C-alpha atoms as a PDB file:
ATOM      1  CA  MET A   1      -0.719  14.031  12.107  1.00  0.00           C
ATOM      2  CA  ASP A   2       2.477  13.387  10.163  1.00  0.00           C
ATOM      3  CA  GLU A   3       2.888   9.927   8.655  1.00  0.00           C
ATOM      4  CA  THR A   4       5.305   8.727   6.027  1.00  0.00           C
ATOM      5  CA  PHE A   5       4.638   5.863   3.627  1.00  0.00           C
ATOM      6  CA  ASP A   6       7.014   4.061   1.294  1.00  0.00           C
ATOM      7  CA  TYR A   7       4.283   3.446  -1.293  1.00  0.00           C
ATOM      8  CA  VAL A   8       0.836   4.811  -2.103  1.00  0.00           C
ATOM      9  CA  VAL A   9      -1.476   2.466  -4.016  1.00  0.00           C
ATOM     10  CA  VAL A  10      -4.415   4.135  -5.778  1.00  0.00           C
ATOM     11  CA  GLY A  11      -7.437   1.861  -6.118  1.00  0.00           C
ATOM     12  CA  SER A  12      -8.475  -1.172  -4.127  1.00  0.00           C
ATOM     13  CA  GLY A  13      -9.059  -3.769  -6.815  1.00  0.00           C
ATOM     14  CA  GLY A  14      -7.628  -7.265  -6.620  1.00  0.00           C
ATOM     15  CA  GLY A  15      -4.305  -6.389  -8.244  1.00  0.00           C
ATOM     16  CA  SER A  16      -3.820  -3.270  -6.157  1.00  0.00           C
ATOM     17  CA  LEU A  17      -4.511  -5.056  -2.888  1.00  0.00           C
ATOM     18  CA  CYS A  18      -2.254  -7.954  -3.889  1.00  0.00           C
ATOM     19  CA  ALA A  19       0.571  -5.519  -4.652  1.00  0.00           C
ATOM     20  CA  ALA A  20       0.002  -3.719  -1.350  1.00  0.00           C
ATOM     21  CA  LEU A  21       0.111  -7.012   0.571  1.00  0.00           C
ATOM     22  CA  VAL A  22       3.363  -8.036  -1.122  1.00  0.00           C
ATOM     23  CA  MET A  23       4.968  -4.681  -0.302  1.00  0.00           C
ATOM     24  CA  ARG A  24       3.709  -4.865   3.294  1.00  0.00           C
ATOM     25  CA  ALA A  25       5.097  -8.394   3.649  1.00  0.00           C
ATOM     26  CA  ALA A  26       8.447  -6.964   2.528  1.00  0.00           C
ATOM     27  CA  GLY A  27       8.317  -4.535   5.449  1.00  0.00           C
ATOM     28  CA  LYS A  28       7.255  -1.421   3.537  1.00  0.00           C
ATOM     29  CA  ARG A  29       4.704   1.105   4.808  1.00  0.00           C
ATOM     30  CA  VAL A  30       1.815   1.168   2.328  1.00  0.00           C
ATOM     31  CA  LEU A  31      -1.203   3.458   2.011  1.00  0.00           C
ATOM     32  CA  VAL A  32      -4.148   2.239  -0.107  1.00  0.00           C
ATOM     33  CA  LEU A  33      -6.508   4.954  -1.391  1.00  0.00           C
ATOM     34  CA  GLU A  34      -9.841   4.383  -3.073  1.00  0.00           C
END
């Protein structure tokens, strides 16, 4: 499996998830890791 992400967010706290949602809304591919 070969996937490419624009951003990797480490942690799933409120700020991290908010940042990931903003980047996703901007059309970026985001991976959130806990």
